[in-house]
N, C-alpha and C. Protein backbone atom coordinates (compact mmCIF):
# COMPACT_ATOMS: atom_id res chain seq x y z
N MET A 1 43.57 -54.80 -28.89
CA MET A 1 42.73 -53.45 -28.98
C MET A 1 41.29 -53.75 -30.03
N LYS A 2 41.78 -53.99 -30.88
CA LYS A 2 40.66 -53.85 -31.94
C LYS A 2 38.84 -54.85 -31.39
N THR A 3 39.55 -55.68 -30.46
CA THR A 3 38.43 -56.31 -30.33
C THR A 3 37.68 -55.08 -29.07
N TRP A 4 38.11 -54.55 -28.29
CA TRP A 4 37.63 -53.33 -26.86
C TRP A 4 37.28 -52.60 -27.88
N THR A 5 37.61 -51.73 -28.85
CA THR A 5 37.24 -50.65 -29.75
C THR A 5 36.31 -50.99 -30.61
N ARG A 6 35.78 -52.50 -30.83
CA ARG A 6 34.13 -52.79 -31.80
C ARG A 6 33.60 -53.10 -30.67
N PHE A 7 33.75 -53.55 -29.27
CA PHE A 7 33.07 -53.62 -27.99
C PHE A 7 32.67 -51.96 -28.03
N THR A 8 33.21 -51.35 -27.28
CA THR A 8 33.15 -50.20 -27.03
C THR A 8 32.05 -49.06 -28.22
N GLY A 9 32.20 -49.43 -29.39
CA GLY A 9 31.99 -49.29 -30.20
C GLY A 9 30.49 -49.48 -30.55
N GLY A 10 30.77 -50.26 -30.66
CA GLY A 10 28.96 -51.54 -30.48
C GLY A 10 27.97 -50.58 -29.26
N LEU A 11 28.66 -50.71 -28.40
CA LEU A 11 27.76 -50.06 -27.24
C LEU A 11 27.62 -49.07 -27.28
N LEU A 12 28.32 -48.10 -27.84
CA LEU A 12 27.90 -46.46 -27.68
C LEU A 12 26.99 -46.64 -29.09
N ALA A 13 26.84 -47.24 -30.24
CA ALA A 13 25.64 -47.62 -31.18
C ALA A 13 24.42 -48.23 -30.77
N CYS A 14 24.61 -48.59 -29.92
CA CYS A 14 23.16 -49.07 -29.33
C CYS A 14 22.55 -48.29 -28.42
N GLY A 15 23.65 -47.73 -27.50
CA GLY A 15 22.99 -46.77 -26.72
C GLY A 15 22.59 -45.55 -27.52
N LEU A 16 23.10 -45.10 -28.41
CA LEU A 16 22.64 -43.85 -29.65
C LEU A 16 21.29 -44.15 -29.99
N ALA A 17 21.20 -45.14 -30.28
CA ALA A 17 19.83 -46.02 -31.31
C ALA A 17 19.01 -46.02 -29.89
N LEU A 18 18.97 -46.64 -28.58
CA LEU A 18 17.88 -46.77 -27.90
C LEU A 18 17.75 -45.06 -27.27
N SER A 19 18.55 -44.31 -27.19
CA SER A 19 18.34 -42.89 -26.54
C SER A 19 16.87 -42.15 -27.91
N THR A 20 17.44 -42.64 -29.19
CA THR A 20 16.73 -42.08 -30.05
C THR A 20 15.49 -42.41 -30.08
N ALA A 21 15.48 -44.07 -30.25
CA ALA A 21 13.87 -44.25 -30.00
C ALA A 21 13.23 -43.98 -29.18
N SER A 22 13.68 -43.72 -27.44
CA SER A 22 13.26 -43.06 -26.20
C SER A 22 12.75 -42.19 -26.77
N ALA A 23 13.48 -40.90 -27.04
CA ALA A 23 12.95 -39.73 -27.84
C ALA A 23 12.02 -39.13 -28.56
N GLU A 24 12.19 -40.46 -29.48
CA GLU A 24 10.58 -40.58 -30.60
C GLU A 24 9.26 -40.69 -29.84
N GLU A 25 9.84 -41.71 -28.80
CA GLU A 25 8.35 -41.96 -27.97
C GLU A 25 7.91 -41.15 -27.60
N GLU A 26 8.95 -40.11 -26.78
CA GLU A 26 7.88 -39.16 -25.80
C GLU A 26 7.36 -38.20 -26.83
N SER A 27 6.41 -37.63 -26.35
CA SER A 27 5.66 -35.98 -26.89
C SER A 27 6.25 -35.17 -26.12
N ALA A 28 5.62 -34.18 -26.99
CA ALA A 28 6.20 -33.16 -26.13
C ALA A 28 4.44 -32.58 -24.93
N LEU A 29 3.76 -32.96 -25.37
CA LEU A 29 2.43 -32.94 -24.66
C LEU A 29 2.07 -33.96 -23.83
N VAL A 30 1.00 -33.89 -22.46
CA VAL A 30 0.84 -35.14 -22.29
C VAL A 30 -0.63 -35.09 -22.18
N THR A 31 -1.16 -36.07 -21.84
CA THR A 31 -2.51 -35.88 -21.65
C THR A 31 -3.34 -37.07 -20.18
N TYR A 32 -4.07 -36.42 -19.38
CA TYR A 32 -4.55 -36.57 -18.38
C TYR A 32 -5.87 -36.88 -18.39
N GLN A 33 -6.48 -36.83 -17.54
CA GLN A 33 -7.70 -37.10 -16.87
C GLN A 33 -8.18 -35.96 -15.72
N THR A 34 -9.17 -35.63 -15.43
CA THR A 34 -9.21 -34.54 -14.34
C THR A 34 -11.44 -34.60 -13.91
N LEU A 35 -11.71 -34.10 -12.60
CA LEU A 35 -13.22 -33.97 -12.97
C LEU A 35 -13.63 -33.19 -13.71
N SER A 36 -14.67 -33.11 -14.07
CA SER A 36 -15.49 -32.34 -15.35
C SER A 36 -16.16 -31.44 -14.21
N PRO A 37 -16.41 -30.34 -14.94
CA PRO A 37 -17.34 -29.72 -13.36
C PRO A 37 -18.78 -29.72 -13.00
N GLU A 38 -19.32 -30.20 -14.14
CA GLU A 38 -20.68 -31.33 -13.38
C GLU A 38 -20.08 -32.12 -12.28
N THR A 39 -19.22 -32.71 -12.71
CA THR A 39 -18.76 -34.14 -11.88
C THR A 39 -18.55 -33.84 -10.20
N ALA A 40 -17.56 -32.58 -10.71
CA ALA A 40 -16.76 -31.95 -9.29
C ALA A 40 -17.99 -31.49 -8.31
N GLN A 41 -19.37 -31.09 -9.20
CA GLN A 41 -20.21 -30.34 -8.62
C GLN A 41 -21.21 -31.00 -7.63
N ALA A 42 -21.62 -32.30 -8.62
CA ALA A 42 -22.18 -33.31 -7.68
C ALA A 42 -21.48 -34.18 -6.67
N LEU A 43 -20.53 -34.05 -6.64
CA LEU A 43 -19.61 -34.70 -5.84
C LEU A 43 -19.55 -33.64 -4.43
N ALA A 44 -19.22 -32.76 -4.50
CA ALA A 44 -19.75 -31.16 -3.68
C ALA A 44 -20.93 -31.63 -3.16
N GLU A 45 -22.23 -31.65 -4.03
CA GLU A 45 -23.61 -31.75 -3.42
C GLU A 45 -23.92 -32.99 -2.45
N ALA A 46 -23.29 -34.11 -3.17
CA ALA A 46 -23.46 -35.48 -2.41
C ALA A 46 -22.79 -35.13 -0.79
N THR A 47 -21.54 -34.61 -1.40
CA THR A 47 -20.90 -34.65 0.45
C THR A 47 -21.30 -33.99 0.88
N LEU A 48 -21.68 -32.70 0.75
CA LEU A 48 -22.83 -31.79 1.88
C LEU A 48 -24.39 -32.26 1.96
N ALA A 49 -24.90 -33.47 1.51
CA ALA A 49 -26.25 -34.07 1.38
C ALA A 49 -25.60 -35.26 2.52
N ALA A 50 -24.57 -35.85 2.19
CA ALA A 50 -24.15 -36.77 3.28
C ALA A 50 -23.94 -35.91 4.64
N CYS A 51 -23.46 -35.03 5.03
CA CYS A 51 -22.85 -34.06 5.83
C CYS A 51 -24.51 -33.80 6.45
N ARG A 52 -25.05 -33.38 6.12
CA ARG A 52 -26.85 -32.92 6.66
C ARG A 52 -27.41 -34.09 7.04
N LYS A 53 -27.45 -35.02 6.53
CA LYS A 53 -28.27 -36.22 6.64
C LYS A 53 -27.57 -36.33 8.56
N GLU A 54 -26.32 -36.05 8.54
CA GLU A 54 -25.97 -36.61 9.90
C GLU A 54 -25.94 -35.23 10.96
N GLY A 55 -26.13 -34.31 10.43
CA GLY A 55 -26.64 -33.13 10.87
C GLY A 55 -25.45 -31.81 11.06
N TYR A 56 -24.59 -32.17 10.18
CA TYR A 56 -23.21 -31.63 10.52
C TYR A 56 -23.25 -30.22 9.31
N GLN A 57 -23.15 -29.11 9.78
CA GLN A 57 -23.21 -27.99 9.54
C GLN A 57 -21.48 -27.56 8.53
N VAL A 58 -21.44 -28.00 7.54
CA VAL A 58 -20.19 -27.99 7.03
C VAL A 58 -19.95 -27.18 5.65
N ALA A 59 -18.33 -27.28 5.65
CA ALA A 59 -18.40 -26.76 4.14
C ALA A 59 -17.50 -27.97 3.26
N VAL A 60 -17.79 -27.66 1.83
CA VAL A 60 -17.42 -29.05 1.05
C VAL A 60 -16.96 -27.91 -0.01
N SER A 61 -15.15 -28.87 -0.20
CA SER A 61 -13.96 -28.12 -1.47
C SER A 61 -14.11 -29.36 -2.03
N VAL A 62 -14.31 -29.04 -3.48
CA VAL A 62 -13.57 -29.91 -4.47
C VAL A 62 -12.82 -29.36 -5.06
N VAL A 63 -11.24 -29.95 -5.58
CA VAL A 63 -10.11 -30.02 -6.24
C VAL A 63 -10.03 -30.33 -7.41
N ASP A 64 -9.33 -30.06 -8.35
CA ASP A 64 -8.52 -30.61 -9.79
C ASP A 64 -7.55 -31.49 -9.25
N ARG A 65 -6.90 -32.23 -10.43
CA ARG A 65 -5.32 -33.04 -9.96
C ARG A 65 -4.75 -32.30 -9.77
N ALA A 66 -4.65 -31.14 -9.67
CA ALA A 66 -3.70 -29.88 -9.59
C ALA A 66 -4.15 -29.01 -8.39
N GLY A 67 -4.96 -29.66 -7.12
CA GLY A 67 -5.31 -28.74 -6.42
C GLY A 67 -5.82 -27.17 -6.34
N VAL A 68 -6.08 -26.92 -8.10
CA VAL A 68 -7.32 -25.68 -8.45
C VAL A 68 -8.48 -26.20 -7.62
N PRO A 69 -8.80 -25.48 -7.32
CA PRO A 69 -10.88 -25.45 -6.71
C PRO A 69 -11.13 -25.11 -7.88
N GLN A 70 -12.41 -26.34 -7.66
CA GLN A 70 -13.32 -26.24 -9.20
C GLN A 70 -15.18 -26.13 -7.67
N VAL A 71 -14.69 -26.33 -6.97
CA VAL A 71 -16.37 -26.34 -6.23
C VAL A 71 -15.89 -25.97 -4.86
N MET A 72 -16.98 -25.32 -4.34
CA MET A 72 -16.91 -24.45 -2.98
C MET A 72 -18.64 -24.71 -2.42
N LEU A 73 -18.72 -25.53 -1.34
CA LEU A 73 -20.22 -24.98 -1.20
C LEU A 73 -19.87 -24.98 0.34
N ARG A 74 -20.63 -24.17 0.89
CA ARG A 74 -20.78 -23.82 2.52
C ARG A 74 -21.95 -23.93 2.61
N ASP A 75 -22.62 -24.76 3.86
CA ASP A 75 -23.63 -24.44 4.64
C ASP A 75 -24.18 -23.28 5.37
N ARG A 76 -25.28 -22.81 5.24
CA ARG A 76 -25.90 -21.83 6.14
C ARG A 76 -25.36 -21.53 7.40
N TYR A 77 -24.91 -22.60 8.76
CA TYR A 77 -24.57 -22.36 9.62
C TYR A 77 -22.71 -22.53 9.64
N ALA A 78 -22.26 -23.20 8.57
CA ALA A 78 -20.95 -23.53 8.60
C ALA A 78 -19.80 -22.34 9.04
N GLY A 79 -18.82 -22.78 9.77
CA GLY A 79 -18.18 -21.75 10.49
C GLY A 79 -17.46 -20.69 9.20
N ALA A 80 -17.35 -19.68 9.88
CA ALA A 80 -16.13 -18.47 8.74
C ALA A 80 -15.27 -19.36 7.92
N HIS A 81 -14.41 -20.29 8.88
CA HIS A 81 -13.05 -20.55 9.10
C HIS A 81 -13.34 -22.02 7.77
N THR A 82 -14.47 -22.27 7.75
CA THR A 82 -14.74 -23.74 7.04
C THR A 82 -14.56 -23.92 5.32
N PRO A 83 -14.66 -22.82 4.64
CA PRO A 83 -14.54 -22.50 3.30
C PRO A 83 -12.76 -23.01 2.94
N ASP A 84 -11.79 -21.96 3.84
CA ASP A 84 -10.60 -22.40 3.07
C ASP A 84 -9.99 -23.81 4.09
N THR A 85 -10.44 -24.02 5.20
CA THR A 85 -10.06 -25.21 6.56
C THR A 85 -10.20 -26.53 4.93
N ALA A 86 -10.93 -26.37 4.29
CA ALA A 86 -12.25 -27.41 3.54
C ALA A 86 -10.63 -27.84 1.88
N THR A 87 -10.87 -26.13 1.58
CA THR A 87 -10.07 -26.11 0.56
C THR A 87 -8.32 -26.86 0.73
N ARG A 88 -8.35 -26.35 1.97
CA ARG A 88 -6.51 -26.32 2.47
C ARG A 88 -6.52 -28.32 2.55
N LYS A 89 -8.18 -28.73 3.02
CA LYS A 89 -7.99 -29.99 3.69
C LYS A 89 -7.21 -30.73 1.97
N ALA A 90 -8.54 -30.68 0.95
CA ALA A 90 -8.35 -31.21 -0.80
C ALA A 90 -7.34 -31.19 -0.73
N TRP A 91 -6.41 -29.80 -0.96
CA TRP A 91 -5.37 -29.64 -1.38
C TRP A 91 -3.84 -30.62 -1.13
N THR A 92 -4.29 -30.45 0.07
CA THR A 92 -3.26 -31.33 0.64
C THR A 92 -3.41 -33.30 0.44
N ALA A 93 -4.74 -33.16 0.49
CA ALA A 93 -5.04 -34.73 0.19
C ALA A 93 -4.28 -35.25 -1.40
N VAL A 94 -4.71 -34.10 -2.19
CA VAL A 94 -3.93 -34.18 -3.67
C VAL A 94 -2.50 -34.21 -4.21
N SER A 95 -1.79 -33.39 -3.17
CA SER A 95 -1.08 -32.82 -3.31
C SER A 95 -0.14 -34.29 -2.79
N PHE A 96 -0.38 -35.22 -1.69
CA PHE A 96 -0.03 -35.92 -0.96
C PHE A 96 -0.03 -37.24 -1.70
N ARG A 97 -1.49 -37.01 -2.14
CA ARG A 97 -2.08 -38.10 -3.41
C ARG A 97 -2.56 -39.52 -1.89
N THR A 98 -2.76 -38.96 -0.23
CA THR A 98 -3.35 -39.49 0.19
C THR A 98 -4.18 -38.84 1.74
N ASP A 99 -5.22 -39.77 1.72
CA ASP A 99 -6.35 -38.98 2.60
C ASP A 99 -5.74 -38.30 3.98
N THR A 100 -6.38 -37.15 4.39
CA THR A 100 -5.56 -36.57 4.99
C THR A 100 -5.65 -36.98 6.75
N LEU A 101 -6.57 -37.98 6.77
CA LEU A 101 -6.93 -38.64 7.83
C LEU A 101 -5.91 -39.44 8.11
N ALA A 102 -5.13 -40.34 7.65
CA ALA A 102 -3.92 -41.04 7.56
C ALA A 102 -2.70 -40.17 7.51
N LEU A 103 -2.57 -38.38 6.58
CA LEU A 103 -1.48 -37.83 6.91
C LEU A 103 -1.64 -37.57 8.56
N ALA A 104 -2.85 -36.69 9.03
CA ALA A 104 -2.42 -36.54 10.60
C ALA A 104 -1.94 -37.46 11.27
N ASP A 105 -2.13 -38.56 11.01
CA ASP A 105 -1.42 -39.56 12.18
C ASP A 105 0.05 -39.68 11.86
N ILE A 106 0.37 -39.61 10.50
CA ILE A 106 1.80 -40.34 9.94
C ILE A 106 2.75 -38.73 10.07
N THR A 107 1.84 -37.63 10.02
CA THR A 107 2.69 -36.28 10.20
C THR A 107 2.96 -35.95 11.57
N GLN A 108 2.81 -36.61 13.17
CA GLN A 108 2.64 -36.37 14.07
C GLN A 108 4.08 -36.10 14.23
N PRO A 109 4.12 -35.27 15.25
CA PRO A 109 5.39 -34.25 15.68
C PRO A 109 6.52 -36.11 16.17
N GLY A 110 7.98 -36.00 15.86
CA GLY A 110 8.75 -36.74 16.02
C GLY A 110 8.04 -38.42 15.62
N LYS A 111 7.56 -37.98 14.44
CA LYS A 111 7.02 -39.20 13.40
C LYS A 111 7.95 -39.12 12.05
N LEU A 112 8.56 -39.61 11.18
CA LEU A 112 9.41 -39.79 10.07
C LEU A 112 9.11 -38.55 9.57
N GLN A 113 8.08 -38.42 8.82
CA GLN A 113 7.20 -37.18 8.04
C GLN A 113 6.79 -36.33 8.72
N SER A 114 6.81 -36.01 9.52
CA SER A 114 6.11 -34.35 10.66
C SER A 114 6.87 -33.09 9.98
N GLY A 115 7.69 -33.45 9.32
CA GLY A 115 8.25 -32.46 8.62
C GLY A 115 7.62 -31.45 7.33
N VAL A 116 6.76 -32.25 6.82
CA VAL A 116 5.73 -31.97 5.51
C VAL A 116 4.42 -31.18 6.29
N ARG A 117 4.34 -31.12 7.60
CA ARG A 117 3.34 -30.34 8.24
C ARG A 117 3.73 -28.52 8.00
N ASP A 118 5.23 -28.76 7.64
CA ASP A 118 5.66 -27.13 7.45
C ASP A 118 5.16 -26.61 6.44
N VAL A 119 4.71 -27.31 5.10
CA VAL A 119 4.34 -27.37 3.88
C VAL A 119 3.72 -26.14 3.77
N THR A 120 4.05 -25.11 2.96
CA THR A 120 2.81 -24.26 2.83
C THR A 120 1.40 -24.66 2.08
N ASN A 121 0.42 -24.12 3.16
CA ASN A 121 -0.89 -24.30 2.89
C ASN A 121 -1.30 -26.09 3.66
N ALA A 122 -0.37 -26.74 3.34
CA ALA A 122 -0.42 -28.13 3.88
C ALA A 122 -1.43 -27.98 5.25
N LEU A 123 -2.47 -28.83 4.90
CA LEU A 123 -3.55 -28.72 6.74
C LEU A 123 -3.48 -30.36 6.92
N MET A 124 -2.81 -31.18 7.96
CA MET A 124 -2.72 -32.45 8.34
C MET A 124 -4.06 -32.24 9.31
N ILE A 125 -5.04 -32.34 8.70
CA ILE A 125 -6.31 -32.74 9.43
C ILE A 125 -7.08 -33.63 9.05
N GLY A 126 -7.53 -34.78 9.44
CA GLY A 126 -8.63 -35.57 8.82
C GLY A 126 -9.84 -34.84 7.81
N GLY A 127 -10.30 -35.62 7.18
CA GLY A 127 -11.37 -34.87 6.28
C GLY A 127 -11.43 -34.77 4.87
N ALA A 128 -10.39 -34.99 3.83
CA ALA A 128 -10.26 -34.99 2.55
C ALA A 128 -9.85 -36.29 2.23
N VAL A 129 -10.24 -36.07 0.94
CA VAL A 129 -9.96 -37.76 0.56
C VAL A 129 -9.68 -37.64 -0.81
N PRO A 130 -8.67 -38.56 -1.81
CA PRO A 130 -8.29 -38.15 -2.95
C PRO A 130 -9.44 -38.66 -4.18
N VAL A 131 -9.31 -38.41 -5.09
CA VAL A 131 -10.63 -39.19 -6.02
C VAL A 131 -9.29 -39.89 -7.03
N GLU A 132 -9.87 -41.29 -6.93
CA GLU A 132 -9.26 -41.68 -8.07
C GLU A 132 -9.71 -42.34 -8.85
N VAL A 133 -9.47 -42.35 -10.41
CA VAL A 133 -10.34 -43.22 -11.13
C VAL A 133 -9.53 -44.09 -12.32
N ALA A 134 -9.69 -45.73 -12.14
CA ALA A 134 -9.22 -46.12 -13.04
C ALA A 134 -7.23 -46.50 -12.35
N GLY A 135 -7.51 -45.63 -11.48
CA GLY A 135 -5.42 -45.44 -10.79
C GLY A 135 -4.97 -44.26 -11.48
N SER A 136 -5.75 -43.55 -11.73
CA SER A 136 -5.41 -42.08 -11.90
C SER A 136 -6.08 -41.13 -11.22
N LEU A 137 -5.03 -40.59 -10.12
CA LEU A 137 -5.31 -39.37 -9.31
C LEU A 137 -6.12 -38.27 -10.57
N VAL A 138 -7.52 -38.40 -10.05
CA VAL A 138 -8.48 -37.07 -10.85
C VAL A 138 -9.14 -35.41 -9.81
N GLY A 139 -8.60 -35.53 -8.75
CA GLY A 139 -8.99 -34.49 -7.76
C GLY A 139 -9.13 -35.26 -6.27
N ALA A 140 -9.76 -34.33 -5.85
CA ALA A 140 -9.78 -34.57 -4.20
C ALA A 140 -10.91 -33.88 -3.23
N VAL A 141 -11.88 -34.16 -2.35
CA VAL A 141 -13.01 -33.73 -1.92
C VAL A 141 -12.51 -33.24 -0.43
N GLY A 142 -12.63 -32.14 0.21
CA GLY A 142 -12.39 -31.80 1.49
C GLY A 142 -13.78 -31.20 2.24
N VAL A 143 -13.75 -31.62 3.47
CA VAL A 143 -14.51 -31.58 3.97
C VAL A 143 -14.14 -30.63 5.56
N SER A 144 -14.82 -29.54 6.42
CA SER A 144 -14.65 -28.97 7.25
C SER A 144 -16.15 -28.67 8.03
N GLY A 145 -16.05 -28.60 9.57
CA GLY A 145 -16.98 -28.37 9.89
C GLY A 145 -17.82 -29.55 10.79
N ALA A 146 -17.62 -30.67 10.51
CA ALA A 146 -18.21 -31.37 11.43
C ALA A 146 -17.44 -31.77 12.82
N PRO A 147 -18.27 -32.21 14.08
CA PRO A 147 -17.50 -32.18 15.25
C PRO A 147 -15.92 -32.59 15.21
N ASP A 148 -15.24 -33.48 14.19
CA ASP A 148 -14.09 -33.90 14.29
C ASP A 148 -13.21 -34.27 12.84
N GLY A 149 -12.18 -34.61 12.54
CA GLY A 149 -12.16 -34.98 11.22
C GLY A 149 -12.27 -36.07 10.73
N LYS A 150 -12.59 -37.10 11.68
CA LYS A 150 -12.73 -38.59 11.55
C LYS A 150 -14.57 -38.53 10.42
N LEU A 151 -14.88 -37.84 11.29
CA LEU A 151 -16.72 -37.34 10.47
C LEU A 151 -16.64 -36.40 9.47
N ASP A 152 -15.32 -35.52 9.28
CA ASP A 152 -15.77 -34.84 8.32
C ASP A 152 -15.04 -36.17 7.01
N ASP A 153 -14.37 -37.01 7.40
CA ASP A 153 -13.56 -38.00 6.52
C ASP A 153 -15.08 -38.83 5.99
N ASP A 154 -15.75 -38.98 7.00
CA ASP A 154 -16.56 -39.91 6.34
C ASP A 154 -17.97 -39.77 5.68
N CYS A 155 -18.43 -37.99 5.73
CA CYS A 155 -19.07 -37.16 4.74
C CYS A 155 -18.30 -36.96 3.48
N ALA A 156 -16.93 -37.28 3.31
CA ALA A 156 -16.31 -37.07 2.34
C ALA A 156 -16.45 -38.22 1.35
N ARG A 157 -15.96 -39.52 1.89
CA ARG A 157 -16.23 -40.48 1.63
C ARG A 157 -18.12 -41.51 1.22
N ALA A 158 -18.67 -40.69 2.07
CA ALA A 158 -20.04 -40.91 1.57
C ALA A 158 -20.42 -40.09 0.69
N GLY A 159 -19.67 -39.17 0.32
CA GLY A 159 -20.13 -38.07 -1.31
C GLY A 159 -19.67 -38.53 -2.43
N LEU A 160 -18.54 -39.12 -2.00
CA LEU A 160 -17.44 -39.94 -3.28
C LEU A 160 -18.54 -41.31 -3.69
N ALA A 161 -18.76 -42.18 -2.15
CA ALA A 161 -19.77 -43.26 -3.31
C ALA A 161 -21.12 -43.13 -3.51
N ALA A 162 -21.64 -41.89 -3.12
CA ALA A 162 -22.69 -41.27 -3.75
C ALA A 162 -22.77 -40.86 -5.38
N ILE A 163 -21.67 -40.74 -5.75
CA ILE A 163 -21.33 -40.34 -6.99
C ILE A 163 -20.59 -41.55 -8.22
N GLU A 164 -19.92 -42.88 -7.53
CA GLU A 164 -19.00 -43.52 -8.20
C GLU A 164 -19.49 -44.21 -9.33
N ASP A 165 -21.07 -43.95 -9.54
CA ASP A 165 -21.58 -44.64 -10.92
C ASP A 165 -20.84 -43.40 -12.32
N LYS A 166 -20.21 -41.98 -11.39
CA LYS A 166 -20.32 -41.24 -12.57
C LYS A 166 -18.69 -41.32 -12.96
N LEU A 167 -18.20 -42.18 -11.92
CA LEU A 167 -16.67 -42.01 -12.19
C LEU A 167 -16.19 -43.44 -12.52
N ALA A 168 -17.12 -44.61 -13.03
CA ALA A 168 -16.34 -45.23 -13.77
C ALA A 168 -16.38 -45.77 -14.83
N PHE A 169 -14.98 -45.34 -15.47
CA PHE A 169 -14.73 -45.57 -17.07
C PHE A 169 -15.44 -46.91 -17.57
């Protein structure tokens, strides 16, 4: 009996020491990276320019890592629905940490992930890409107005490529 008591007492002491060390290492605050307003603006402008080069009139939305809009640009002939659509696409990409072209495919009716189409504000249409830097999600860019979601996606990726030097830490 004495051996068992010493064994469990030792385990208890060890567990308390580990939980105390773990609690001491945790901070009450967290630090994270997100897009600066200037970088978000540059991304939106580069994306709009990429779409214009292809002859598309679009809206571009850049959201931060929490999905909050930072920049919205709408070209002169882009449809009235395109600002909201671009923003919802960007929100979806950052929320699910996946580009919306891929989400459009894996959430089709009858597929395992189809239920996420019912998430409020989620829009599973191609055209938004998460922005990651050094493995950290920092925002997303969404595009609406090209003839299809794949072309919106192409514009978003071209915009990202145009500013990748600003994203290198």
